[in-house]
């Protein structure tokens, strides 16, 4: 996955928004993430050029297969890490915030071990 942390965050956000609504636009990302319209516009352009998303003529954003795979991997890491931290006694809000920072750097080996622990 040769995508910077911010790109991963955008993909994860698009995935989360697409689970809530079939139509995702840049303005939805702006509202969800609290970023400026120019920042989101730039990120959407980079993700589009990278082949992670498609933007139709009406501005609706869809994840490509590689975009969806990447987003789902990040989202799974987030949910596993959050569950693990909560299981360790961290309050859910702090756990989710910490998981958000950890999900981008943790190795596949470590996340697999944590997932086994959480599910076991």
PDB file of N, CA and C in Angstrom:
ATOM      1  N   UNK A   1       0.850  -1.170   0.000  1.00  0.00           N
ATOM      2  CA  UNK A   1       0.000   0.000   0.000  1.00  0.00           C
ATOM      3  C   UNK A   1       0.899   1.238   0.000  1.00  0.00           C
ATOM      4  N   UNK A   2       1.107   1.848  -1.141  1.00  0.00           N
ATOM      5  CA  UNK A   2       1.963   3.021  -1.187  1.00  0.00           C
ATOM      6  C   UNK A   2       1.115   4.295  -1.204  1.00  0.00           C
ATOM      7  N   UNK A   3       0.398   4.487  -0.127  1.00  0.00           N
ATOM      8  CA  UNK A   3      -0.497   5.615   0.030  1.00  0.00           C
ATOM      9  C   UNK A   3      -0.185   6.248   1.378  1.00  0.00           C
ATOM     10  N   UNK A   4      -0.033   7.553   1.400  1.00  0.00           N
ATOM     11  CA  UNK A   4       0.267   8.244   2.655  1.00  0.00           C
ATOM     12  C   UNK A   4      -0.897   8.122   3.630  1.00  0.00           C
ATOM     13  N   UNK A   5      -0.598   8.384   4.891  1.00  0.00           N
ATOM     14  CA  UNK A   5      -1.604   8.275   5.948  1.00  0.00           C
ATOM     15  C   UNK A   5      -2.848   9.101   5.630  1.00  0.00           C
ATOM     16  N   UNK A   6      -2.658  10.319   5.118  1.00  0.00           N
ATOM     17  CA  UNK A   6      -3.826  11.160   4.828  1.00  0.00           C
ATOM     18  C   UNK A   6      -4.692  10.542   3.733  1.00  0.00           C
ATOM     19  N   UNK A   7      -4.067   9.958   2.727  1.00  0.00           N
ATOM     20  CA  UNK A   7      -4.820   9.279   1.672  1.00  0.00           C
ATOM     21  C   UNK A   7      -5.596   8.103   2.221  1.00  0.00           C
ATOM     22  N   UNK A   8      -4.978   7.378   3.142  1.00  0.00           N
ATOM     23  CA  UNK A   8      -5.654   6.254   3.783  1.00  0.00           C
ATOM     24  C   UNK A   8      -6.866   6.741   4.576  1.00  0.00           C
ATOM     25  N   UNK A   9      -6.703   7.868   5.255  1.00  0.00           N
ATOM     26  CA  UNK A   9      -7.813   8.433   6.036  1.00  0.00           C
ATOM     27  C   UNK A   9      -8.981   8.820   5.126  1.00  0.00           C
ATOM     28  N   UNK A  10      -8.661   9.410   3.990  1.00  0.00           N
ATOM     29  CA  UNK A  10      -9.726   9.782   3.047  1.00  0.00           C
ATOM     30  C   UNK A  10     -10.447   8.537   2.530  1.00  0.00           C
ATOM     31  N   UNK A  11      -9.688   7.512   2.170  1.00  0.00           N
ATOM     32  CA  UNK A  11     -10.328   6.282   1.679  1.00  0.00           C
ATOM     33  C   UNK A  11     -11.220   5.668   2.746  1.00  0.00           C
ATOM     34  N   UNK A  12     -10.728   5.629   3.970  1.00  0.00           N
ATOM     35  CA  UNK A  12     -11.522   5.079   5.070  1.00  0.00           C
ATOM     36  C   UNK A  12     -12.801   5.896   5.261  1.00  0.00           C
ATOM     37  N   UNK A  13     -12.690   7.204   5.169  1.00  0.00           N
ATOM     38  CA  UNK A  13     -13.854   8.077   5.308  1.00  0.00           C
ATOM     39  C   UNK A  13     -14.861   7.822   4.193  1.00  0.00           C
ATOM     40  N   UNK A  14     -14.384   7.685   2.953  1.00  0.00           N
ATOM     41  CA  UNK A  14     -15.283   7.405   1.834  1.00  0.00           C
ATOM     42  C   UNK A  14     -15.996   6.074   2.063  1.00  0.00           C
ATOM     43  N   UNK A  15     -15.258   5.068   2.554  1.00  0.00           N
ATOM     44  CA  UNK A  15     -15.876   3.766   2.842  1.00  0.00           C
ATOM     45  C   UNK A  15     -16.964   3.908   3.907  1.00  0.00           C
ATOM     46  N   UNK A  16     -16.649   4.584   4.997  1.00  0.00           N
ATOM     47  CA  UNK A  16     -17.614   4.764   6.091  1.00  0.00           C
ATOM     48  C   UNK A  16     -18.846   5.516   5.594  1.00  0.00           C
ATOM     49  N   UNK A  17     -18.633   6.582   4.840  1.00  0.00           N
ATOM     50  CA  UNK A  17     -19.760   7.358   4.312  1.00  0.00           C
ATOM     51  C   UNK A  17     -20.592   6.536   3.329  1.00  0.00           C
ATOM     52  N   UNK A  18     -19.932   5.700   2.531  1.00  0.00           N
ATOM     53  CA  UNK A  18     -20.661   4.884   1.550  1.00  0.00           C
ATOM     54  C   UNK A  18     -21.493   3.798   2.225  1.00  0.00           C
ATOM     55  N   UNK A  19     -21.134   3.425   3.457  1.00  0.00           N
ATOM     56  CA  UNK A  19     -21.943   2.459   4.209  1.00  0.00           C
ATOM     57  C   UNK A  19     -23.228   3.118   4.719  1.00  0.00           C
ATOM     58  N   UNK A  20     -23.183   4.445   4.923  1.00  0.00           N
ATOM     59  CA  UNK A  20     -24.338   5.191   5.418  1.00  0.00           C
ATOM     60  C   UNK A  20     -25.239   5.669   4.291  1.00  0.00           C
ATOM     61  N   UNK A  21     -24.638   5.944   3.132  1.00  0.00           N
ATOM     62  CA  UNK A  21     -25.386   6.486   2.002  1.00  0.00           C
ATOM     63  C   UNK A  21     -24.746   6.008   0.708  1.00  0.00           C
ATOM     64  N   UNK A  22     -25.561   5.740  -0.283  1.00  0.00           N
ATOM     65  CA  UNK A  22     -25.006   5.245  -1.551  1.00  0.00           C
ATOM     66  C   UNK A  22     -24.316   6.354  -2.332  1.00  0.00           C
ATOM     67  N   UNK A  23     -24.597   7.606  -1.984  1.00  0.00           N
ATOM     68  CA  UNK A  23     -24.017   8.740  -2.709  1.00  0.00           C
ATOM     69  C   UNK A  23     -23.044   9.492  -1.806  1.00  0.00           C
ATOM     70  N   UNK A  24     -21.770   9.526  -2.207  1.00  0.00           N
ATOM     71  CA  UNK A  24     -20.748  10.249  -1.450  1.00  0.00           C
ATOM     72  C   UNK A  24     -20.183  11.342  -2.351  1.00  0.00           C
ATOM     73  N   UNK A  25     -20.170  12.558  -1.821  1.00  0.00           N
ATOM     74  CA  UNK A  25     -19.605  13.695  -2.554  1.00  0.00           C
ATOM     75  C   UNK A  25     -18.498  14.332  -1.724  1.00  0.00           C
ATOM     76  N   UNK A  26     -17.740  15.192  -2.341  1.00  0.00           N
ATOM     77  CA  UNK A  26     -16.658  15.882  -1.632  1.00  0.00           C
ATOM     78  C   UNK A  26     -17.172  16.637  -0.422  1.00  0.00           C
ATOM     79  N   UNK A  27     -18.332  17.271  -0.551  1.00  0.00           N
ATOM     80  CA  UNK A  27     -18.886  18.043   0.567  1.00  0.00           C
ATOM     81  C   UNK A  27     -19.182  17.142   1.765  1.00  0.00           C
ATOM     82  N   UNK A  28     -19.552  15.897   1.509  1.00  0.00           N
ATOM     83  CA  UNK A  28     -19.787  14.948   2.605  1.00  0.00           C
ATOM     84  C   UNK A  28     -18.482  14.674   3.349  1.00  0.00           C
ATOM     85  N   UNK A  29     -17.395  14.567   2.595  1.00  0.00           N
ATOM     86  CA  UNK A  29     -16.078  14.337   3.200  1.00  0.00           C
ATOM     87  C   UNK A  29     -15.659  15.561   4.006  1.00  0.00           C
ATOM     88  N   UNK A  30     -15.889  16.756   3.456  1.00  0.00           N
ATOM     89  CA  UNK A  30     -15.582  18.003   4.166  1.00  0.00           C
ATOM     90  C   UNK A  30     -16.295  18.018   5.513  1.00  0.00           C
ATOM     91  N   UNK A  31     -17.592  17.721   5.495  1.00  0.00           N
ATOM     92  CA  UNK A  31     -18.387  17.758   6.725  1.00  0.00           C
ATOM     93  C   UNK A  31     -17.968  16.677   7.716  1.00  0.00           C
ATOM     94  N   UNK A  32     -17.659  15.487   7.220  1.00  0.00           N
ATOM     95  CA  UNK A  32     -17.290  14.373   8.100  1.00  0.00           C
ATOM     96  C   UNK A  32     -15.918  14.581   8.735  1.00  0.00           C
ATOM     97  N   UNK A  33     -14.957  15.034   7.941  1.00  0.00           N
ATOM     98  CA  UNK A  33     -13.586  15.155   8.427  1.00  0.00           C
ATOM     99  C   UNK A  33     -13.265  16.527   9.019  1.00  0.00           C
ATOM    100  N   UNK A  34     -14.078  17.519   8.662  1.00  0.00           N
ATOM    101  CA  UNK A  34     -13.828  18.867   9.163  1.00  0.00           C
ATOM    102  C   UNK A  34     -12.671  19.561   8.457  1.00  0.00           C
ATOM    103  N   UNK A  35     -12.356  19.130   7.268  1.00  0.00           N
ATOM    104  CA  UNK A  35     -11.275  19.738   6.489  1.00  0.00           C
ATOM    105  C   UNK A  35     -11.856  20.781   5.547  1.00  0.00           C
ATOM    106  N   UNK A  36     -10.996  21.634   4.998  1.00  0.00           N
ATOM    107  CA  UNK A  36     -11.453  22.655   4.060  1.00  0.00           C
ATOM    108  C   UNK A  36     -11.792  22.036   2.708  1.00  0.00           C
ATOM    109  N   UNK A  37     -12.639  22.732   1.960  1.00  0.00           N
ATOM    110  CA  UNK A  37     -13.008  22.261   0.629  1.00  0.00           C
ATOM    111  C   UNK A  37     -11.790  22.121  -0.284  1.00  0.00           C
ATOM    112  N   UNK A  38     -10.846  23.094  -0.280  1.00  0.00           N
ATOM    113  CA  UNK A  38      -9.667  22.929  -1.140  1.00  0.00           C
ATOM    114  C   UNK A  38      -8.811  21.713  -0.769  1.00  0.00           C
ATOM    115  N   UNK A  39      -8.685  21.440   0.521  1.00  0.00           N
ATOM    116  CA  UNK A  39      -7.903  20.273   0.956  1.00  0.00           C
ATOM    117  C   UNK A  39      -8.540  18.986   0.467  1.00  0.00           C
ATOM    118  N   UNK A  40      -9.847  18.889   0.617  1.00  0.00           N
ATOM    119  CA  UNK A  40     -10.567  17.690   0.187  1.00  0.00           C
ATOM    120  C   UNK A  40     -10.517  17.570  -1.333  1.00  0.00           C
ATOM    121  N   UNK A  41     -10.670  18.675  -2.022  1.00  0.00           N
ATOM    122  CA  UNK A  41     -10.617  18.665  -3.486  1.00  0.00           C
ATOM    123  C   UNK A  41      -9.264  18.153  -3.975  1.00  0.00           C
ATOM    124  N   UNK A  42      -8.194  18.612  -3.347  1.00  0.00           N
ATOM    125  CA  UNK A  42      -6.847  18.157  -3.716  1.00  0.00           C
ATOM    126  C   UNK A  42      -6.691  16.664  -3.459  1.00  0.00           C
ATOM    127  N   UNK A  43      -7.145  16.217  -2.296  1.00  0.00           N
ATOM    128  CA  UNK A  43      -7.032  14.793  -1.940  1.00  0.00           C
ATOM    129  C   UNK A  43      -7.845  13.926  -2.890  1.00  0.00           C
ATOM    130  N   UNK A  44      -9.052  14.374  -3.217  1.00  0.00           N
ATOM    131  CA  UNK A  44      -9.902  13.620  -4.142  1.00  0.00           C
ATOM    132  C   UNK A  44      -9.200  13.503  -5.494  1.00  0.00           C
ATOM    133  N   UNK A  45      -8.579  14.594  -5.943  1.00  0.00           N
ATOM    134  CA  UNK A  45      -7.843  14.553  -7.203  1.00  0.00           C
ATOM    135  C   UNK A  45      -6.697  13.561  -7.175  1.00  0.00           C
ATOM    136  N   UNK A  46      -5.958  13.548  -6.069  1.00  0.00           N
ATOM    137  CA  UNK A  46      -4.833  12.606  -5.933  1.00  0.00           C
ATOM    138  C   UNK A  46      -5.327  11.159  -5.901  1.00  0.00           C
ATOM    139  N   UNK A  47      -6.410  10.913  -5.170  1.00  0.00           N
ATOM    140  CA  UNK A  47      -6.956   9.551  -5.095  1.00  0.00           C
ATOM    141  C   UNK A  47      -7.495   9.105  -6.453  1.00  0.00           C
ATOM    142  N   UNK A  48      -8.091  10.035  -7.177  1.00  0.00           N
ATOM    143  CA  UNK A  48      -8.604   9.736  -8.515  1.00  0.00           C
ATOM    144  C   UNK A  48      -7.442   9.407  -9.456  1.00  0.00           C
ATOM    145  N   UNK A  49      -6.410  10.241  -9.439  1.00  0.00           N
ATOM    146  CA  UNK A  49      -5.235   9.999 -10.286  1.00  0.00           C
ATOM    147  C   UNK A  49      -4.510   8.716  -9.913  1.00  0.00           C
ATOM    148  N   UNK A  50      -4.593   8.331  -8.647  1.00  0.00           N
ATOM    149  CA  UNK A  50      -3.953   7.103  -8.181  1.00  0.00           C
ATOM    150  C   UNK A  50      -4.769   5.850  -8.464  1.00  0.00           C
ATOM    151  N   UNK A  51      -5.970   6.030  -8.995  1.00  0.00           N
ATOM    152  CA  UNK A  51      -6.811   4.887  -9.331  1.00  0.00           C
ATOM    153  C   UNK A  51      -7.584   4.312  -8.163  1.00  0.00           C
ATOM    154  N   UNK A  52      -7.688   5.069  -7.052  1.00  0.00           N
ATOM    155  CA  UNK A  52      -8.373   4.577  -5.860  1.00  0.00           C
ATOM    156  C   UNK A  52      -9.870   4.894  -5.863  1.00  0.00           C
ATOM    157  N   UNK A  53     -10.241   5.957  -6.593  1.00  0.00           N
ATOM    158  CA  UNK A  53     -11.645   6.361  -6.667  1.00  0.00           C
ATOM    159  C   UNK A  53     -11.991   6.778  -8.092  1.00  0.00           C
ATOM    160  N   UNK A  54     -13.295   6.820  -8.343  1.00  0.00           N
ATOM    161  CA  UNK A  54     -13.842   7.359  -9.591  1.00  0.00           C
ATOM    162  C   UNK A  54     -14.815   8.449  -9.177  1.00  0.00           C
ATOM    163  N   UNK A  55     -14.763   9.570  -9.886  1.00  0.00           N
ATOM    164  CA  UNK A  55     -15.703  10.660  -9.637  1.00  0.00           C
ATOM    165  C   UNK A  55     -16.518  10.844 -10.912  1.00  0.00           C
ATOM    166  N   UNK A  56     -17.849  10.695 -10.796  1.00  0.00           N
ATOM    167  CA  UNK A  56     -18.676  10.814 -12.002  1.00  0.00           C
ATOM    168  C   UNK A  56     -18.933  12.286 -12.333  1.00  0.00           C
ATOM    169  N   UNK A  57     -19.633  12.521 -13.413  1.00  0.00           N
ATOM    170  CA  UNK A  57     -19.865  13.885 -13.905  1.00  0.00           C
ATOM    171  C   UNK A  57     -20.652  14.739 -12.919  1.00  0.00           C
ATOM    172  N   UNK A  58     -21.396  14.115 -12.017  1.00  0.00           N
ATOM    173  CA  UNK A  58     -22.166  14.845 -11.015  1.00  0.00           C
ATOM    174  C   UNK A  58     -21.417  15.011  -9.688  1.00  0.00           C
ATOM    175  N   UNK A  59     -20.169  14.536  -9.651  1.00  0.00           N
ATOM    176  CA  UNK A  59     -19.353  14.699  -8.452  1.00  0.00           C
ATOM    177  C   UNK A  59     -19.485  13.588  -7.424  1.00  0.00           C
ATOM    178  N   UNK A  60     -20.174  12.509  -7.792  1.00  0.00           N
ATOM    179  CA  UNK A  60     -20.316  11.391  -6.858  1.00  0.00           C
ATOM    180  C   UNK A  60     -19.073  10.508  -6.904  1.00  0.00           C
ATOM    181  N   UNK A  61     -18.616  10.119  -5.730  1.00  0.00           N
ATOM    182  CA  UNK A  61     -17.358   9.390  -5.574  1.00  0.00           C
ATOM    183  C   UNK A  61     -17.638   7.920  -5.298  1.00  0.00           C
ATOM    184  N   UNK A  62     -16.920   7.063  -6.022  1.00  0.00           N
ATOM    185  CA  UNK A  62     -17.022   5.621  -5.831  1.00  0.00           C
ATOM    186  C   UNK A  62     -15.619   5.056  -5.687  1.00  0.00           C
ATOM    187  N   UNK A  63     -15.455   4.138  -4.753  1.00  0.00           N
ATOM    188  CA  UNK A  63     -14.172   3.459  -4.596  1.00  0.00           C
ATOM    189  C   UNK A  63     -13.970   2.470  -5.749  1.00  0.00           C
ATOM    190  N   UNK A  64     -12.758   2.422  -6.292  1.00  0.00           N
ATOM    191  CA  UNK A  64     -12.420   1.389  -7.266  1.00  0.00           C
ATOM    192  C   UNK A  64     -12.133   0.109  -6.486  1.00  0.00           C
ATOM    193  N   UNK A  65     -11.969  -1.023  -7.154  1.00  0.00           N
ATOM    194  CA  UNK A  65     -11.642  -2.246  -6.413  1.00  0.00           C
ATOM    195  C   UNK A  65     -10.405  -2.098  -5.516  1.00  0.00           C
ATOM    196  N   UNK A  66      -9.332  -1.487  -6.015  1.00  0.00           N
ATOM    197  CA  UNK A  66      -8.125  -1.317  -5.179  1.00  0.00           C
ATOM    198  C   UNK A  66      -8.385  -0.298  -4.072  1.00  0.00           C
ATOM    199  N   UNK A  67      -9.193   0.712  -4.364  1.00  0.00           N
ATOM    200  CA  UNK A  67      -9.558   1.691  -3.342  1.00  0.00           C
ATOM    201  C   UNK A  67     -10.377   1.069  -2.233  1.00  0.00           C
ATOM    202  N   UNK A  68     -11.323   0.221  -2.621  1.00  0.00           N
ATOM    203  CA  UNK A  68     -12.172  -0.450  -1.626  1.00  0.00           C
ATOM    204  C   UNK A  68     -11.346  -1.426  -0.790  1.00  0.00           C
ATOM    205  N   UNK A  69     -10.472  -2.171  -1.441  1.00  0.00           N
ATOM    206  CA  UNK A  69      -9.612  -3.123  -0.716  1.00  0.00           C
ATOM    207  C   UNK A  69      -8.737  -2.390   0.299  1.00  0.00           C
ATOM    208  N   UNK A  70      -8.156  -1.291  -0.122  1.00  0.00           N
ATOM    209  CA  UNK A  70      -7.295  -0.501   0.764  1.00  0.00           C
ATOM    210  C   UNK A  70      -8.106   0.079   1.924  1.00  0.00           C
ATOM    211  N   UNK A  71      -9.263   0.652   1.611  1.00  0.00           N
ATOM    212  CA  UNK A  71     -10.113   1.253   2.636  1.00  0.00           C
ATOM    213  C   UNK A  71     -10.583   0.215   3.651  1.00  0.00           C
ATOM    214  N   UNK A  72     -10.974  -0.961   3.156  1.00  0.00           N
ATOM    215  CA  UNK A  72     -11.443  -2.014   4.063  1.00  0.00           C
ATOM    216  C   UNK A  72     -10.329  -2.511   4.971  1.00  0.00           C
ATOM    217  N   UNK A  73      -9.107  -2.561   4.452  1.00  0.00           N
ATOM    218  CA  UNK A  73      -7.969  -2.985   5.271  1.00  0.00           C
ATOM    219  C   UNK A  73      -7.726  -1.974   6.402  1.00  0.00           C
ATOM    220  N   UNK A  74      -7.756  -0.706   6.073  1.00  0.00           N
ATOM    221  CA  UNK A  74      -7.556   0.335   7.083  1.00  0.00           C
ATOM    222  C   UNK A  74      -8.702   0.321   8.094  1.00  0.00           C
ATOM    223  N   UNK A  75      -9.925   0.194   7.608  1.00  0.00           N
ATOM    224  CA  UNK A  75     -11.093   0.181   8.489  1.00  0.00           C
ATOM    225  C   UNK A  75     -11.048  -1.022   9.436  1.00  0.00           C
ATOM    226  N   UNK A  76     -10.651  -2.172   8.913  1.00  0.00           N
ATOM    227  CA  UNK A  76     -10.545  -3.357   9.763  1.00  0.00           C
ATOM    228  C   UNK A  76      -9.487  -3.134  10.839  1.00  0.00           C
ATOM    229  N   UNK A  77      -8.362  -2.564  10.460  1.00  0.00           N
ATOM    230  CA  UNK A  77      -7.316  -2.271  11.440  1.00  0.00           C
ATOM    231  C   UNK A  77      -7.866  -1.363  12.536  1.00  0.00           C
ATOM    232  N   UNK A  78      -8.611  -0.361  12.125  1.00  0.00           N
ATOM    233  CA  UNK A  78      -9.184   0.590  13.071  1.00  0.00           C
ATOM    234  C   UNK A  78     -10.118  -0.115  14.054  1.00  0.00           C
ATOM    235  N   UNK A  79     -11.012  -0.952  13.530  1.00  0.00           N
ATOM    236  CA  UNK A  79     -11.974  -1.617  14.410  1.00  0.00           C
ATOM    237  C   UNK A  79     -11.297  -2.637  15.325  1.00  0.00           C
ATOM    238  N   UNK A  80     -10.309  -3.361  14.811  1.00  0.00           N
ATOM    239  CA  UNK A  80      -9.587  -4.345  15.631  1.00  0.00           C
ATOM    240  C   UNK A  80      -8.809  -3.638  16.739  1.00  0.00           C
ATOM    241  N   UNK A  81      -8.089  -2.578  16.375  1.00  0.00           N
ATOM    242  CA  UNK A  81      -7.307  -1.849  17.378  1.00  0.00           C
ATOM    243  C   UNK A  81      -8.206  -1.196  18.422  1.00  0.00           C
ATOM    244  N   UNK A  82      -9.332  -0.653  17.994  1.00  0.00           N
ATOM    245  CA  UNK A  82     -10.273  -0.047  18.943  1.00  0.00           C
ATOM    246  C   UNK A  82     -10.788  -1.106  19.913  1.00  0.00           C
ATOM    247  N   UNK A  83     -11.203  -2.244  19.382  1.00  0.00           N
ATOM    248  CA  UNK A  83     -11.713  -3.327  20.245  1.00  0.00           C
ATOM    249  C   UNK A  83     -10.651  -3.798  21.229  1.00  0.00           C
ATOM    250  N   UNK A  84      -9.429  -3.921  20.770  1.00  0.00           N
ATOM    251  CA  UNK A  84      -8.319  -4.364  21.612  1.00  0.00           C
ATOM    252  C   UNK A  84      -8.085  -3.376  22.749  1.00  0.00           C
ATOM    253  N   UNK A  85      -8.035  -2.088  22.417  1.00  0.00           N
ATOM    254  CA  UNK A  85      -7.788  -1.074  23.444  1.00  0.00           C
ATOM    255  C   UNK A  85      -8.931  -1.022  24.458  1.00  0.00           C
ATOM    256  N   UNK A  86     -10.161  -1.167  23.980  1.00  0.00           N
ATOM    257  CA  UNK A  86     -11.311  -1.192  24.894  1.00  0.00           C
ATOM    258  C   UNK A  86     -11.215  -2.413  25.811  1.00  0.00           C
ATOM    259  N   UNK A  87     -10.828  -3.549  25.233  1.00  0.00           N
ATOM    260  CA  UNK A  87     -10.682  -4.776  26.020  1.00  0.00           C
ATOM    261  C   UNK A  87      -9.605  -4.614  27.103  1.00  0.00           C
ATOM    262  N   UNK A  88      -8.628  -3.760  26.822  1.00  0.00           N
ATOM    263  CA  UNK A  88      -7.564  -3.489  27.789  1.00  0.00           C
ATOM    264  C   UNK A  88      -7.987  -2.465  28.851  1.00  0.00           C
ATOM    265  N   UNK A  89      -9.183  -1.884  28.675  1.00  0.00           N
ATOM    266  CA  UNK A  89      -9.694  -0.958  29.677  1.00  0.00           C
ATOM    267  C   UNK A  89      -9.681   0.503  29.273  1.00  0.00           C
ATOM    268  N   UNK A  90      -9.330   0.799  28.037  1.00  0.00           N
ATOM    269  CA  UNK A  90      -9.325   2.176  27.558  1.00  0.00           C
ATOM    270  C   UNK A  90     -10.770   2.559  27.211  1.00  0.00           C
ATOM    271  N   UNK A  91     -11.154   3.804  27.537  1.00  0.00           N
ATOM    272  CA  UNK A  91     -12.516   4.211  27.208  1.00  0.00           C
ATOM    273  C   UNK A  91     -12.685   4.249  25.683  1.00  0.00           C
ATOM    274  N   UNK A  92     -13.899   3.957  25.191  1.00  0.00           N
ATOM    275  CA  UNK A  92     -14.124   3.816  23.750  1.00  0.00           C
ATOM    276  C   UNK A  92     -13.699   5.023  22.906  1.00  0.00           C
ATOM    277  N   UNK A  93     -13.927   6.234  23.388  1.00  0.00           N
ATOM    278  CA  UNK A  93     -13.564   7.420  22.608  1.00  0.00           C
ATOM    279  C   UNK A  93     -12.052   7.540  22.448  1.00  0.00           C
ATOM    280  N   UNK A  94     -11.326   7.362  23.545  1.00  0.00           N
ATOM    281  CA  UNK A  94      -9.862   7.413  23.482  1.00  0.00           C
ATOM    282  C   UNK A  94      -9.333   6.263  22.644  1.00  0.00           C
ATOM    283  N   UNK A  95      -9.920   5.086  22.809  1.00  0.00           N
ATOM    284  CA  UNK A  95      -9.492   3.916  22.038  1.00  0.00           C
ATOM    285  C   UNK A  95      -9.632   4.172  20.542  1.00  0.00           C
ATOM    286  N   UNK A  96     -10.750   4.760  20.121  1.00  0.00           N
ATOM    287  CA  UNK A  96     -10.975   5.044  18.698  1.00  0.00           C
ATOM    288  C   UNK A  96      -9.974   6.072  18.182  1.00  0.00           C
ATOM    289  N   UNK A  97      -9.686   7.094  18.990  1.00  0.00           N
ATOM    290  CA  UNK A  97      -8.709   8.122  18.586  1.00  0.00           C
ATOM    291  C   UNK A  97      -7.317   7.521  18.461  1.00  0.00           C
ATOM    292  N   UNK A  98      -6.920   6.713  19.435  1.00  0.00           N
ATOM    293  CA  UNK A  98      -5.596   6.088  19.397  1.00  0.00           C
ATOM    294  C   UNK A  98      -5.492   5.095  18.240  1.00  0.00           C
ATOM    295  N   UNK A  99      -6.555   4.324  18.021  1.00  0.00           N
ATOM    296  CA  UNK A  99      -6.572   3.353  16.917  1.00  0.00           C
ATOM    297  C   UNK A  99      -6.377   4.062  15.587  1.00  0.00           C
ATOM    298  N   UNK A 100      -6.961   5.242  15.469  1.00  0.00           N
ATOM    299  CA  UNK A 100      -6.853   6.022  14.233  1.00  0.00           C
ATOM    300  C   UNK A 100      -5.395   6.367  13.932  1.00  0.00           C
ATOM    301  N   UNK A 101      -4.628   6.643  14.961  1.00  0.00           N
ATOM    302  CA  UNK A 101      -3.209   6.954  14.756  1.00  0.00           C
ATOM    303  C   UNK A 101      -2.387   5.687  14.511  1.00  0.00           C
ATOM    304  N   UNK A 102      -2.737   4.612  15.186  1.00  0.00           N
ATOM    305  CA  UNK A 102      -1.965   3.368  15.107  1.00  0.00           C
ATOM    306  C   UNK A 102      -2.196   2.596  13.811  1.00  0.00           C
ATOM    307  N   UNK A 103      -3.398   2.694  13.256  1.00  0.00           N
ATOM    308  CA  UNK A 103      -3.793   1.853  12.123  1.00  0.00           C
ATOM    309  C   UNK A 103      -2.916   2.029  10.891  1.00  0.00           C
ATOM    310  N   UNK A 104      -2.226   3.142  10.794  1.00  0.00           N
ATOM    311  CA  UNK A 104      -1.434   3.447   9.597  1.00  0.00           C
ATOM    312  C   UNK A 104      -0.007   2.922   9.662  1.00  0.00           C
ATOM    313  N   UNK A 105       0.443   2.560  10.844  1.00  0.00           N
ATOM    314  CA  UNK A 105       1.846   2.180  10.986  1.00  0.00           C
ATOM    315  C   UNK A 105       2.069   0.750  11.473  1.00  0.00           C
ATOM    316  N   UNK A 106       1.062   0.136  12.017  1.00  0.00           N
ATOM    317  CA  UNK A 106       1.228  -1.204  12.588  1.00  0.00           C
ATOM    318  C   UNK A 106       1.440  -2.241  11.478  1.00  0.00           C
ATOM    319  N   UNK A 107       2.261  -3.231  11.765  1.00  0.00           N
ATOM    320  CA  UNK A 107       2.563  -4.263  10.764  1.00  0.00           C
ATOM    321  C   UNK A 107       1.397  -5.235  10.615  1.00  0.00           C
ATOM    322  N   UNK A 108       1.361  -5.917   9.483  1.00  0.00           N
ATOM    323  CA  UNK A 108       0.342  -6.950   9.241  1.00  0.00           C
ATOM    324  C   UNK A 108       0.451  -8.062  10.283  1.00  0.00           C
ATOM    325  N   UNK A 109       1.673  -8.407  10.675  1.00  0.00           N
ATOM    326  CA  UNK A 109       1.902  -9.461  11.664  1.00  0.00           C
ATOM    327  C   UNK A 109       1.299  -9.076  13.013  1.00  0.00           C
ATOM    328  N   UNK A 110       1.556  -7.851  13.447  1.00  0.00           N
ATOM    329  CA  UNK A 110       1.024  -7.407  14.740  1.00  0.00           C
ATOM    330  C   UNK A 110      -0.490  -7.293  14.724  1.00  0.00           C
ATOM    331  N   UNK A 111      -1.048  -6.761  13.636  1.00  0.00           N
ATOM    332  CA  UNK A 111      -2.505  -6.626  13.586  1.00  0.00           C
ATOM    333  C   UNK A 111      -3.172  -7.994  13.577  1.00  0.00           C
ATOM    334  N   UNK A 112      -2.556  -8.968  12.922  1.00  0.00           N
ATOM    335  CA  UNK A 112      -3.113 -10.329  12.908  1.00  0.00           C
ATOM    336  C   UNK A 112      -3.109 -10.923  14.315  1.00  0.00           C
ATOM    337  N   UNK A 113      -2.033 -10.692  15.062  1.00  0.00           N
ATOM    338  CA  UNK A 113      -1.946 -11.209  16.430  1.00  0.00           C
ATOM    339  C   UNK A 113      -2.981 -10.537  17.329  1.00  0.00           C
ATOM    340  N   UNK A 114      -3.144  -9.222  17.185  1.00  0.00           N
ATOM    341  CA  UNK A 114      -4.130  -8.496  17.991  1.00  0.00           C
ATOM    342  C   UNK A 114      -5.541  -8.966  17.631  1.00  0.00           C
ATOM    343  N   UNK A 115      -5.781  -9.192  16.340  1.00  0.00           N
ATOM    344  CA  UNK A 115      -7.094  -9.679  15.906  1.00  0.00           C
ATOM    345  C   UNK A 115      -7.399 -11.036  16.527  1.00  0.00           C
ATOM    346  N   UNK A 116      -6.405 -11.929  16.551  1.00  0.00           N
ATOM    347  CA  UNK A 116      -6.607 -13.249  17.195  1.00  0.00           C
ATOM    348  C   UNK A 116      -6.921 -13.069  18.680  1.00  0.00           C
ATOM    349  N   UNK A 117      -6.217 -12.162  19.343  1.00  0.00           N
ATOM    350  CA  UNK A 117      -6.435 -11.914  20.757  1.00  0.00           C
ATOM    351  C   UNK A 117      -7.854 -11.384  21.004  1.00  0.00           C
ATOM    352  N   UNK A 118      -8.273 -10.413  20.206  1.00  0.00           N
ATOM    353  CA  UNK A 118      -9.590  -9.795  20.383  1.00  0.00           C
ATOM    354  C   UNK A 118     -10.702 -10.812  20.130  1.00  0.00           C
ATOM    355  N   UNK A 119     -10.528 -11.635  19.102  1.00  0.00           N
ATOM    356  CA  UNK A 119     -11.558 -12.607  18.745  1.00  0.00           C
ATOM    357  C   UNK A 119     -11.529 -13.845  19.638  1.00  0.00           C
ATOM    358  N   UNK A 120     -10.405 -14.066  20.321  1.00  0.00           N
ATOM    359  CA  UNK A 120     -10.239 -15.268  21.137  1.00  0.00           C
ATOM    360  C   UNK A 120     -10.798 -15.146  22.457  1.00  0.00           C
TER     361      UNK A 120
END
